[in-house]
Amino acid sequence: MTAAESSAATTTATAAPVKSGAGAKYLTVSALGFTTAASIVTSLRGLPMMAKEEMTMFFYIGFSTLLFLIPAGLVAAELGSMYANKAGGLYAWISGAFGRKVGFAIIFLSWIQVIVFYPTGMSFAAAGVAFAFDRPDIAQNHVYVGIFAIVAFWLCTAVAFVSNQLALKVTRWGFLAGTALPGIILVLVFVWWISTGHSIGWEHTTNPSVTVDHSGHDSPRFFPYIAGLSGLSFLAGILLNFAGVESQGVHSTELKNPAKGYPAAIMIAAAVAFGIFTLGALAVAGIVAYDRIDLNTGVFDAFTIAFTEMIHSSWPVRILSALIAYGALAGVLAWILGPSRGVLATAHDGMLPPVLQKVNRRGVQTNILIIQGIIVTALSSIYLFMDDVSSAFFLISAMAVSLYLIIYMVMYAAAIRLRYTRPDLPRAFEIPGGTVGMWLFAGTGFLAVAFAFVLAFVPPEQLPIGNPATYIALVAGGAIMFSAVPLIIERMKKPSWIPPDDVKAKALGPSADTSHLSNAG
């Protein structure tokens, strides 16, 4: 799950405050916990990647939950409570620790990594549409997937041009109808599959990566077979599915007792995310044979196999596929608006040239969206030139992962630095244990993310990636190129880029708080 995805979820699952005391309004711990979970679990897209690890998925999901999700949530809560009176999230946090230049670089990377990730979301929607029209054969056609991704993204962009309110109306039910409902049905179908005595997918796996031989009898592995880093390369992609918890950290101050309430909310979110991802991935792994699990169509294949056995018909698959495709496209539409709005804020602080400061009469950041669409078109073209859709899916995911993990490493470093440089800032929520506690949680998260960052450049042995050198060059080249862009822009920055206050207010809205852009750091 990316930060953009989490912003999409937030539009569909906002925690409502409740009254407490003398008219004060507070969020309940459970409300914030489930809202945070919704900001993490925004798509079923990651289930096949987890299922591909069979029983070792418990290791990967446990690693992601304990060493990434929980530390990230607690660190984000402290940072959010420190800058609760300033908009900007990551930009305000990083700028406060390392200055505006680094803050701009990170917020720019957060936008770019979402752009890099768009093609995978569109390819998942493409598969959903193919199954909805009962044409599963074209779901693996790389030309179809590439063209669909390009055309559908521009259609979503066109909707975004109309107004933010129209986009929100389109996306409002995306999470419930396109993710939650199909996910629940998938788990129920798997329960039926087991109870009726059907063959379980992981019981017939001979791949040494996920199976161990005991005296001629194969049994699933519960710990990865590590013959090299390539055996762990899925970890980076799986870890990304747990990203997005930082988007809710700013709400820690809305709890009646943040010090006790927010850790409890994070535990609720972690338990819910762990449960949903584990049950969903188990369903795919149990229904679909290991050698048939496809990273892009695994969820749809599971539905097809199960309903064909259950009712000897696949008509429910068409309905569910249409819902999942709607959820994926609705999510993309919400992602289009959120991160690019943050970039607009930096543009109106003079960090980007005037051409990127323009908005239409409805306040939509038109030129930013156009540039975004051009980049997505170029990245989606990778599908046109790679025959294996799963490999292209994983390659693009690896590029996004490498950028997003950089953001997390800087966030952890910022939290540690601010304990020393700004101990005076009030913290409604503070990681327990003082400086030692901060080093423990932020340090653990940093090391876990750094390890996953290394793995993002390692070709997975589970997929036919082709030439490993080409794979590494593409992922590393993408990470270097995109990371260099904000540095180049910073070197080119001119005083004339700073717009008048009235122009800034018109673009960002009368209630926009831009003080953090000029005062941070």
Protein backbone atom coordinates (compact mmCIF):
# COMPACT_ATOMS: atom_id res chain seq x y z
CA MET A 1 0.00 0.00 0.00
CA THR A 2 1.41 3.37 -0.88
CA ALA A 3 0.84 6.78 0.67
CA ALA A 4 -1.35 7.59 -2.28
CA GLU A 5 -3.36 4.47 -1.76
CA SER A 6 -3.82 5.37 1.86
CA SER A 7 -5.13 8.78 0.88
CA ALA A 8 -7.58 7.00 -1.37
CA ALA A 9 -8.73 4.83 1.49
CA THR A 10 -9.09 7.83 3.74
CA THR A 11 -11.67 9.30 1.37
CA THR A 12 -13.81 6.19 1.77
CA ALA A 13 -13.19 5.27 5.40
CA THR A 14 -12.91 8.34 7.60
CA ALA A 15 -13.08 7.80 11.33
CA ALA A 16 -15.82 9.86 12.92
CA PRO A 17 -15.06 11.60 16.19
CA VAL A 18 -17.27 11.05 19.18
CA LYS A 19 -18.22 13.43 21.94
CA SER A 20 -16.55 13.04 25.27
CA GLY A 21 -16.49 15.17 28.39
CA ALA A 22 -17.75 18.73 28.25
CA GLY A 23 -18.59 18.81 24.58
CA ALA A 24 -15.08 17.81 23.46
CA LYS A 25 -14.82 15.57 20.45
CA TYR A 26 -12.43 12.63 20.36
CA LEU A 27 -11.75 9.71 18.09
CA THR A 28 -12.29 6.33 19.67
CA VAL A 29 -9.36 3.94 19.68
CA SER A 30 -11.30 1.38 17.64
CA ALA A 31 -12.40 3.97 15.07
CA LEU A 32 -8.83 5.12 14.47
CA GLY A 33 -7.57 1.54 14.48
CA PHE A 34 -9.98 0.40 11.78
CA THR A 35 -9.49 3.60 9.76
CA THR A 36 -5.74 2.99 9.83
CA ALA A 37 -6.34 -0.60 8.74
CA ALA A 38 -8.47 0.67 5.85
CA SER A 39 -5.65 3.00 4.82
CA ILE A 40 -3.34 -0.04 4.60
CA VAL A 41 -5.62 -2.61 2.98
CA THR A 42 -6.84 -0.72 -0.09
CA SER A 43 -6.62 -3.44 -2.72
CA LEU A 44 -6.55 -7.20 -3.27
CA ARG A 45 -3.72 -6.70 -5.75
CA GLY A 46 -0.99 -7.92 -3.38
CA LEU A 47 -2.62 -11.24 -2.43
CA PRO A 48 -1.16 -13.33 -5.28
CA MET A 49 2.38 -12.13 -4.49
CA MET A 50 1.91 -13.28 -0.89
CA ALA A 51 0.27 -16.51 -2.04
CA LYS A 52 3.26 -17.22 -4.26
CA GLU A 53 5.26 -17.75 -1.06
CA GLU A 54 2.79 -20.40 0.15
CA MET A 55 3.28 -21.08 3.91
CA THR A 56 6.38 -18.91 4.05
CA MET A 57 3.93 -16.02 3.68
CA PHE A 58 3.63 -16.09 7.48
CA PHE A 59 7.30 -15.12 7.73
CA TYR A 60 6.94 -12.28 5.22
CA ILE A 61 3.67 -10.95 6.62
CA GLY A 62 4.98 -11.25 10.19
CA PHE A 63 8.19 -9.43 9.22
CA SER A 64 6.18 -6.65 7.58
CA THR A 65 3.82 -6.32 10.54
CA LEU A 66 6.30 -6.43 13.44
CA LEU A 67 9.37 -4.78 11.92
CA PHE A 68 7.71 -2.28 9.58
CA LEU A 69 4.02 -1.58 10.21
CA ILE A 70 4.17 -1.11 13.98
CA PRO A 71 7.39 1.00 14.06
CA ALA A 72 6.16 3.14 11.14
CA GLY A 73 2.81 3.75 12.82
CA LEU A 74 4.34 4.78 16.16
CA VAL A 75 7.01 7.01 14.60
CA ALA A 76 4.42 8.69 12.35
CA ALA A 77 2.20 9.29 15.37
CA GLU A 78 4.94 11.16 17.22
CA LEU A 79 5.87 13.21 14.17
CA GLY A 80 2.22 13.95 13.45
CA SER A 81 1.59 15.11 17.01
CA MET A 82 4.62 17.43 16.85
CA TYR A 83 3.37 19.16 13.70
CA ALA A 84 -0.36 18.81 14.32
CA ASN A 85 -0.91 22.53 13.66
CA LYS A 86 0.79 22.41 10.27
CA ALA A 87 -0.44 20.83 7.06
CA GLY A 88 1.84 18.89 4.80
CA GLY A 89 2.48 15.64 6.64
CA LEU A 90 5.79 14.20 5.47
CA TYR A 91 6.88 17.52 4.00
CA ALA A 92 6.51 19.31 7.35
CA TRP A 93 8.12 16.45 9.28
CA ILE A 94 11.17 16.06 7.05
CA SER A 95 11.61 19.81 6.61
CA GLY A 96 11.57 20.25 10.37
CA ALA A 97 14.41 17.74 10.77
CA PHE A 98 16.57 18.32 7.70
CA GLY A 99 15.39 21.55 6.10
CA ARG A 100 13.17 22.46 3.15
CA LYS A 101 15.48 21.07 0.46
CA VAL A 102 15.29 17.56 1.86
CA GLY A 103 11.59 18.01 2.61
CA PHE A 104 10.94 18.96 -0.99
CA ALA A 105 12.98 16.00 -2.27
CA ILE A 106 10.97 13.58 -0.14
CA ILE A 107 7.54 14.96 -1.01
CA PHE A 108 8.56 14.94 -4.67
CA LEU A 109 9.68 11.29 -4.37
CA SER A 110 6.39 10.42 -2.67
CA TRP A 111 4.59 11.79 -5.74
CA ILE A 112 6.94 10.08 -8.19
CA GLN A 113 6.72 6.68 -6.49
CA VAL A 114 2.95 6.84 -6.77
CA ILE A 115 3.29 7.64 -10.48
CA VAL A 116 5.62 4.67 -10.89
CA PHE A 117 3.09 2.47 -9.12
CA TYR A 118 0.06 3.54 -11.19
CA PRO A 119 0.71 1.02 -14.02
CA THR A 120 0.45 -1.93 -11.61
CA GLY A 121 -2.90 -0.68 -10.34
CA MET A 122 -4.09 -0.23 -13.90
CA SER A 123 -2.89 -3.71 -14.91
CA PHE A 124 -4.89 -5.19 -12.03
CA ALA A 125 -7.96 -3.31 -13.25
CA ALA A 126 -7.24 -4.54 -16.78
CA ALA A 127 -7.33 -8.13 -15.55
CA GLY A 128 -10.60 -7.43 -13.75
CA VAL A 129 -12.21 -6.05 -16.90
CA ALA A 130 -10.98 -9.03 -18.93
CA PHE A 131 -12.56 -11.49 -16.47
CA ALA A 132 -15.72 -9.38 -16.23
CA PHE A 133 -16.20 -9.80 -19.98
CA ASP A 134 -15.38 -13.51 -19.70
CA ARG A 135 -12.12 -13.07 -21.61
CA PRO A 136 -9.51 -14.27 -19.11
CA ASP A 137 -7.21 -15.13 -22.01
CA ILE A 138 -6.48 -11.46 -22.74
CA ALA A 139 -5.67 -10.69 -19.09
CA GLN A 140 -2.18 -12.03 -19.82
CA ASN A 141 -1.87 -10.29 -23.17
CA HIS A 142 0.84 -7.69 -22.59
CA VAL A 143 -0.36 -5.49 -25.45
CA TYR A 144 -3.92 -5.40 -24.06
CA VAL A 145 -2.68 -4.64 -20.55
CA GLY A 146 -0.40 -1.86 -21.79
CA ILE A 147 -3.04 -0.18 -23.93
CA PHE A 148 -5.70 -0.53 -21.22
CA ALA A 149 -3.39 1.02 -18.61
CA ILE A 150 -2.68 4.03 -20.81
CA VAL A 151 -6.26 4.66 -21.97
CA ALA A 152 -7.87 4.05 -18.57
CA PHE A 153 -5.41 6.31 -16.77
CA TRP A 154 -6.14 9.21 -19.12
CA LEU A 155 -9.89 8.64 -18.64
CA CYS A 156 -9.38 8.82 -14.86
CA THR A 157 -7.35 11.98 -15.36
CA ALA A 158 -10.16 13.47 -17.45
CA VAL A 159 -12.60 12.82 -14.59
CA ALA A 160 -10.14 14.46 -12.19
CA PHE A 161 -10.04 17.54 -14.43
CA VAL A 162 -13.76 18.11 -13.90
CA SER A 163 -13.61 18.55 -10.11
CA ASN A 164 -12.43 17.00 -6.89
CA GLN A 165 -16.02 16.54 -5.75
CA LEU A 166 -16.95 14.47 -8.81
CA ALA A 167 -13.88 12.31 -8.27
CA LEU A 168 -14.83 11.75 -4.63
CA LYS A 169 -18.35 10.72 -5.64
CA VAL A 170 -16.91 8.17 -8.08
CA THR A 171 -14.46 6.75 -5.54
CA ARG A 172 -16.64 6.80 -2.42
CA TRP A 173 -17.68 3.17 -2.65
CA GLY A 174 -14.48 1.87 -4.21
CA PHE A 175 -13.04 0.40 -1.01
CA LEU A 176 -16.26 -1.24 0.22
CA ALA A 177 -17.54 -2.58 -3.10
CA GLY A 178 -14.23 -3.25 -4.83
CA THR A 179 -12.03 -4.48 -1.99
CA ALA A 180 -13.85 -5.36 1.24
CA LEU A 181 -16.82 -7.22 -0.28
CA PRO A 182 -14.81 -9.34 -2.79
CA GLY A 183 -12.21 -10.03 -0.08
CA ILE A 184 -14.85 -11.38 2.33
CA ILE A 185 -16.38 -13.51 -0.43
CA LEU A 186 -12.93 -14.88 -1.35
CA VAL A 187 -12.35 -16.06 2.23
CA LEU A 188 -15.86 -17.58 2.46
CA VAL A 189 -15.31 -19.40 -0.82
CA PHE A 190 -12.05 -20.81 0.53
CA VAL A 191 -13.82 -22.05 3.67
CA TRP A 192 -16.28 -23.86 1.40
CA TRP A 193 -13.36 -25.21 -0.67
CA ILE A 194 -11.72 -26.78 2.40
CA SER A 195 -14.94 -28.03 4.01
CA THR A 196 -15.95 -29.91 0.86
CA GLY A 197 -12.67 -31.80 0.70
CA HIS A 198 -11.07 -30.20 -2.34
CA SER A 199 -7.37 -30.50 -2.96
CA ILE A 200 -5.33 -27.74 -1.26
CA GLY A 201 -2.90 -25.98 -3.56
CA TRP A 202 0.10 -25.89 -1.23
CA GLU A 203 -0.11 -29.66 -0.60
CA HIS A 204 1.10 -30.40 -4.13
CA THR A 205 4.06 -28.08 -4.44
CA THR A 206 7.51 -29.40 -5.24
CA ASN A 207 9.31 -26.09 -5.71
CA PRO A 208 12.21 -26.10 -3.18
CA SER A 209 11.63 -22.40 -2.51
CA VAL A 210 8.40 -23.18 -0.65
CA THR A 211 8.56 -26.96 -0.09
CA VAL A 212 10.87 -29.21 1.90
CA ASP A 213 11.37 -32.93 1.31
CA HIS A 214 11.14 -35.20 4.36
CA SER A 215 12.04 -38.79 3.46
CA GLY A 216 10.31 -38.62 0.10
CA HIS A 217 7.31 -36.66 1.37
CA ASP A 218 6.88 -33.01 0.47
CA SER A 219 5.62 -30.55 3.07
CA PRO A 220 5.31 -26.76 3.00
CA ARG A 221 8.09 -24.58 4.35
CA PHE A 222 7.26 -22.07 7.06
CA PHE A 223 10.62 -20.31 6.83
CA PRO A 224 12.10 -19.13 3.50
CA TYR A 225 14.64 -21.32 1.76
CA ILE A 226 17.60 -18.95 1.62
CA ALA A 227 20.14 -19.99 -0.99
CA GLY A 228 20.73 -16.34 -1.87
CA LEU A 229 19.05 -12.97 -1.74
CA SER A 230 16.89 -13.86 -4.77
CA GLY A 231 14.90 -16.21 -2.55
CA LEU A 232 13.84 -13.24 -0.39
CA SER A 233 13.24 -10.72 -3.16
CA PHE A 234 9.43 -10.85 -2.76
CA LEU A 235 9.85 -9.35 0.71
CA ALA A 236 10.19 -5.80 -0.62
CA GLY A 237 6.99 -6.08 -2.67
CA ILE A 238 5.04 -7.69 0.18
CA LEU A 239 6.28 -5.06 2.63
CA LEU A 240 4.92 -2.32 0.36
CA ASN A 241 1.43 -3.73 0.81
CA PHE A 242 1.68 -2.69 4.47
CA ALA A 243 2.68 0.89 3.68
CA GLY A 244 0.41 3.87 4.27
CA VAL A 245 0.09 3.74 8.06
CA GLU A 246 1.88 7.09 8.30
CA SER A 247 -1.09 8.83 6.68
CA GLN A 248 -3.13 8.38 9.87
CA GLY A 249 -0.42 9.38 12.35
CA VAL A 250 -1.63 12.98 12.36
CA HIS A 251 -4.89 11.83 13.98
CA SER A 252 -3.17 10.64 17.16
CA THR A 253 -3.88 14.05 18.74
CA GLU A 254 -7.61 13.48 18.28
CA LEU A 255 -7.63 10.65 20.82
CA LYS A 256 -8.60 11.38 24.41
CA ASN A 257 -5.40 9.76 25.69
CA PRO A 258 -2.90 9.53 22.79
CA ALA A 259 -0.12 8.00 24.91
CA LYS A 260 -2.21 4.90 25.62
CA GLY A 261 -4.77 5.04 22.85
CA TYR A 262 -2.57 5.31 19.77
CA PRO A 263 -0.43 2.21 20.43
CA ALA A 264 -3.69 0.32 20.94
CA ALA A 265 -5.04 1.71 17.63
CA ILE A 266 -1.86 0.60 15.86
CA MET A 267 -2.20 -2.88 17.32
CA ILE A 268 -5.79 -3.05 16.08
CA ALA A 269 -4.71 -1.91 12.61
CA ALA A 270 -1.82 -4.40 12.59
CA ALA A 271 -4.09 -7.28 13.64
CA VAL A 272 -6.73 -6.41 11.03
CA ALA A 273 -4.19 -5.98 8.22
CA PHE A 274 -2.40 -9.19 9.22
CA GLY A 275 -5.68 -11.08 9.29
CA ILE A 276 -7.00 -9.79 5.97
CA PHE A 277 -3.77 -10.28 4.08
CA THR A 278 -3.13 -13.72 5.58
CA LEU A 279 -6.64 -15.06 5.02
CA GLY A 280 -6.84 -13.62 1.50
CA ALA A 281 -3.41 -14.94 0.49
CA LEU A 282 -4.19 -18.35 2.02
CA ALA A 283 -7.38 -18.47 -0.04
CA VAL A 284 -5.49 -17.84 -3.28
CA ALA A 285 -2.70 -20.28 -2.34
CA GLY A 286 -5.19 -22.96 -1.30
CA ILE A 287 -7.43 -22.79 -4.36
CA VAL A 288 -4.88 -22.11 -7.13
CA ALA A 289 -2.05 -24.58 -7.79
CA TYR A 290 1.37 -23.08 -7.08
CA ASP A 291 2.62 -23.15 -10.67
CA ARG A 292 -0.59 -21.39 -11.82
CA ILE A 293 -0.49 -18.46 -9.38
CA ASP A 294 -0.12 -15.32 -11.45
CA LEU A 295 0.79 -12.03 -9.77
CA ASN A 296 -1.75 -10.08 -11.80
CA THR A 297 -4.68 -12.51 -12.14
CA GLY A 298 -4.31 -14.77 -9.09
CA VAL A 299 -7.40 -13.41 -7.32
CA PHE A 300 -9.59 -13.81 -10.41
CA ASP A 301 -8.20 -17.29 -11.09
CA ALA A 302 -9.11 -18.33 -7.53
CA PHE A 303 -12.70 -17.17 -8.00
CA THR A 304 -12.95 -18.88 -11.39
CA ILE A 305 -11.67 -22.24 -10.14
CA ALA A 306 -13.83 -22.18 -7.01
CA PHE A 307 -17.12 -21.15 -8.62
CA THR A 308 -16.62 -23.57 -11.50
CA GLU A 309 -16.38 -26.36 -8.92
CA MET A 310 -19.09 -24.96 -6.66
CA ILE A 311 -21.89 -24.20 -9.12
CA HIS A 312 -20.36 -25.35 -12.43
CA SER A 313 -20.60 -21.79 -13.71
CA SER A 314 -18.41 -18.71 -13.62
CA TRP A 315 -21.09 -15.99 -13.80
CA PRO A 316 -20.38 -14.78 -10.22
CA VAL A 317 -16.76 -14.28 -11.27
CA ARG A 318 -17.83 -11.75 -13.87
CA ILE A 319 -19.70 -9.69 -11.25
CA LEU A 320 -16.90 -9.88 -8.70
CA SER A 321 -14.29 -9.04 -11.33
CA ALA A 322 -16.27 -5.98 -12.37
CA LEU A 323 -16.44 -4.85 -8.73
CA ILE A 324 -12.71 -5.39 -8.21
CA ALA A 325 -11.93 -3.51 -11.43
CA TYR A 326 -14.17 -0.66 -10.25
CA GLY A 327 -12.37 -0.61 -6.91
CA ALA A 328 -8.97 -0.51 -8.60
CA LEU A 329 -9.96 2.29 -10.98
CA ALA A 330 -11.70 4.25 -8.22
CA GLY A 331 -8.54 3.95 -6.15
CA VAL A 332 -6.40 5.21 -9.01
CA LEU A 333 -8.74 8.18 -9.43
CA ALA A 334 -8.37 9.06 -5.75
CA TRP A 335 -4.59 8.63 -5.93
CA ILE A 336 -4.45 11.01 -8.90
CA LEU A 337 -5.78 13.86 -6.78
CA GLY A 338 -4.08 13.39 -3.40
CA PRO A 339 -0.28 13.34 -3.93
CA SER A 340 -0.39 15.76 -6.84
CA ARG A 341 -2.16 18.23 -4.54
CA GLY A 342 0.83 18.06 -2.22
CA VAL A 343 3.12 18.83 -5.14
CA LEU A 344 0.93 21.83 -5.96
CA ALA A 345 1.50 23.11 -2.42
CA THR A 346 5.29 22.96 -2.87
CA ALA A 347 4.93 24.59 -6.28
CA HIS A 348 3.15 27.56 -4.69
CA ASP A 349 5.96 27.87 -2.20
CA GLY A 350 8.29 28.53 -5.13
CA MET A 351 9.85 25.06 -5.20
CA LEU A 352 8.61 24.37 -8.74
CA PRO A 353 8.36 26.56 -11.86
CA PRO A 354 5.21 28.62 -12.58
CA VAL A 355 4.03 26.20 -15.26
CA LEU A 356 3.31 23.67 -12.47
CA GLN A 357 1.46 26.23 -10.35
CA LYS A 358 -1.47 26.58 -12.72
CA VAL A 359 -4.95 25.38 -11.82
CA ASN A 360 -8.17 25.47 -13.80
CA ARG A 361 -11.28 27.38 -12.73
CA ARG A 362 -12.27 24.45 -10.51
CA GLY A 363 -8.93 24.55 -8.70
CA VAL A 364 -7.57 21.35 -10.27
CA GLN A 365 -3.79 21.22 -10.84
CA THR A 366 -4.01 20.69 -14.61
CA ASN A 367 -0.38 20.84 -15.72
CA ILE A 368 0.79 18.60 -12.89
CA LEU A 369 -1.83 16.03 -13.90
CA ILE A 370 -0.80 16.25 -17.56
CA ILE A 371 2.88 15.66 -16.73
CA GLN A 372 1.81 12.84 -14.44
CA GLY A 373 -0.15 11.25 -17.27
CA ILE A 374 2.78 11.48 -19.69
CA ILE A 375 5.09 9.71 -17.23
CA VAL A 376 2.49 7.01 -16.54
CA THR A 377 2.07 6.50 -20.29
CA ALA A 378 5.82 5.97 -20.67
CA LEU A 379 5.97 3.53 -17.76
CA SER A 380 2.89 1.62 -18.91
CA SER A 381 4.61 1.13 -22.24
CA ILE A 382 6.87 -1.39 -20.47
CA TYR A 383 3.95 -3.81 -20.76
CA LEU A 384 4.03 -3.43 -24.54
CA PHE A 385 7.61 -4.70 -24.72
CA MET A 386 7.63 -7.43 -22.05
CA ASP A 387 5.78 -10.62 -22.99
CA ASP A 388 5.35 -11.80 -19.39
CA VAL A 389 2.86 -9.51 -17.64
CA SER A 390 3.79 -10.83 -14.16
CA SER A 391 7.44 -9.99 -14.75
CA ALA A 392 6.57 -6.50 -15.98
CA PHE A 393 4.23 -6.11 -12.98
CA PHE A 394 7.02 -7.03 -10.58
CA LEU A 395 9.62 -4.86 -12.35
CA ILE A 396 7.45 -1.75 -12.11
CA SER A 397 6.57 -2.62 -8.51
CA ALA A 398 10.28 -2.90 -7.66
CA MET A 399 10.91 0.60 -9.03
CA ALA A 400 8.12 2.01 -6.86
CA VAL A 401 9.30 0.04 -3.83
CA SER A 402 12.86 1.37 -4.08
CA LEU A 403 11.60 4.97 -4.06
CA TYR A 404 9.09 4.48 -1.27
CA LEU A 405 11.61 2.77 0.99
CA ILE A 406 13.92 5.77 0.63
CA ILE A 407 11.07 7.92 1.98
CA TYR A 408 10.61 5.65 4.98
CA MET A 409 14.33 5.59 5.79
CA VAL A 410 14.40 9.39 5.82
CA MET A 411 11.23 9.49 7.96
CA TYR A 412 12.82 7.24 10.60
CA ALA A 413 16.01 9.31 10.54
CA ALA A 414 13.96 12.52 10.93
CA ALA A 415 12.19 11.17 14.01
CA ILE A 416 15.50 10.32 15.67
CA ARG A 417 17.07 13.66 14.75
CA LEU A 418 14.14 15.68 16.06
CA ARG A 419 14.50 14.05 19.48
CA TYR A 420 17.87 15.82 19.69
CA THR A 421 17.29 19.04 17.74
CA ARG A 422 13.71 19.87 18.80
CA PRO A 423 13.10 18.37 22.24
CA ASP A 424 11.12 21.54 23.02
CA LEU A 425 8.30 20.75 20.58
CA PRO A 426 5.24 19.41 22.42
CA ARG A 427 4.39 15.80 21.62
CA ALA A 428 0.82 14.73 22.34
CA PHE A 429 2.02 11.22 21.62
CA GLU A 430 5.58 10.21 22.40
CA ILE A 431 7.15 6.81 21.79
CA PRO A 432 7.72 5.36 25.27
CA GLY A 433 11.20 4.79 26.61
CA GLY A 434 12.64 8.19 25.90
CA THR A 435 15.52 8.42 23.45
CA VAL A 436 16.26 4.71 23.87
CA GLY A 437 12.70 3.86 22.88
CA MET A 438 12.93 6.07 19.81
CA TRP A 439 16.19 4.43 18.74
CA LEU A 440 14.62 1.00 19.32
CA PHE A 441 11.49 1.55 17.24
CA ALA A 442 12.85 3.93 14.58
CA GLY A 443 16.12 2.00 14.39
CA THR A 444 14.32 -1.32 13.95
CA GLY A 445 12.10 0.16 11.26
CA PHE A 446 15.08 1.75 9.50
CA LEU A 447 17.05 -1.53 9.42
CA ALA A 448 14.03 -3.49 8.16
CA VAL A 449 13.39 -0.94 5.42
CA ALA A 450 17.09 -0.79 4.48
CA PHE A 451 17.16 -4.59 4.12
CA ALA A 452 14.03 -4.54 1.95
CA PHE A 453 15.58 -1.72 -0.09
CA VAL A 454 18.54 -3.96 -0.98
CA LEU A 455 16.16 -6.79 -1.92
CA ALA A 456 14.25 -4.49 -4.29
CA PHE A 457 17.24 -4.68 -6.65
CA VAL A 458 17.48 -8.49 -6.57
CA PRO A 459 15.63 -10.42 -9.33
CA PRO A 460 13.21 -12.97 -7.84
CA GLU A 461 13.91 -16.61 -8.55
CA GLN A 462 10.14 -17.27 -8.67
CA LEU A 463 9.64 -15.30 -11.92
CA PRO A 464 11.12 -15.47 -15.44
CA ILE A 465 12.70 -12.03 -15.24
CA GLY A 466 15.23 -12.71 -18.00
CA ASN A 467 18.69 -11.19 -17.84
CA PRO A 468 19.35 -10.32 -14.16
CA ALA A 469 21.76 -7.55 -15.16
CA THR A 470 19.05 -5.87 -17.24
CA TYR A 471 16.57 -6.14 -14.36
CA ILE A 472 19.00 -4.60 -11.87
CA ALA A 473 19.95 -1.86 -14.34
CA LEU A 474 16.30 -0.92 -14.93
CA VAL A 475 15.35 -0.82 -11.24
CA ALA A 476 18.53 0.95 -10.14
CA GLY A 477 18.41 3.30 -13.12
CA GLY A 478 14.80 4.22 -12.34
CA ALA A 479 15.59 4.85 -8.67
CA ILE A 480 18.61 7.00 -9.48
CA MET A 481 16.89 8.95 -12.25
CA PHE A 482 13.75 9.76 -10.24
CA SER A 483 15.76 10.57 -7.08
CA ALA A 484 17.91 12.99 -9.06
CA VAL A 485 14.97 14.97 -10.45
CA PRO A 486 14.16 16.98 -7.26
CA LEU A 487 17.86 17.69 -6.75
CA ILE A 488 18.13 19.06 -10.27
CA ILE A 489 14.98 21.14 -9.81
CA GLU A 490 16.37 22.53 -6.56
CA ARG A 491 19.56 23.63 -8.33
CA MET A 492 17.50 25.37 -11.03
CA LYS A 493 15.14 27.14 -8.61
CA LYS A 494 14.69 30.89 -9.16
CA PRO A 495 13.21 33.61 -6.92
CA SER A 496 10.72 34.40 -9.67
CA TRP A 497 9.06 31.02 -9.05
CA ILE A 498 7.51 32.28 -5.79
CA PRO A 499 3.95 33.43 -6.57
CA PRO A 500 2.11 36.28 -4.79
CA ASP A 501 0.13 35.29 -1.70
CA ASP A 502 -3.22 35.92 -3.41
CA VAL A 503 -2.34 33.51 -6.22
CA LYS A 504 -1.22 30.91 -3.68
CA ALA A 505 -4.43 31.24 -1.68
CA LYS A 506 -6.59 30.99 -4.79
CA ALA A 507 -4.90 27.78 -5.90
CA LEU A 508 -4.71 26.04 -2.53
CA GLY A 509 -8.01 27.28 -1.17
CA PRO A 510 -8.83 29.92 1.43
CA SER A 511 -8.30 27.51 4.31
CA ALA A 512 -4.97 26.21 3.11
CA ASP A 513 -2.25 26.34 5.73
CA THR A 514 1.01 26.98 3.95
CA SER A 515 2.97 28.33 6.89
CA HIS A 516 4.91 25.12 7.18
CA LEU A 517 6.24 25.64 3.67
CA SER A 518 8.00 28.85 4.54
CA ASN A 519 8.90 28.25 8.18
CA ALA A 520 9.91 24.58 8.36
CA GLY A 521 13.56 23.93 9.02
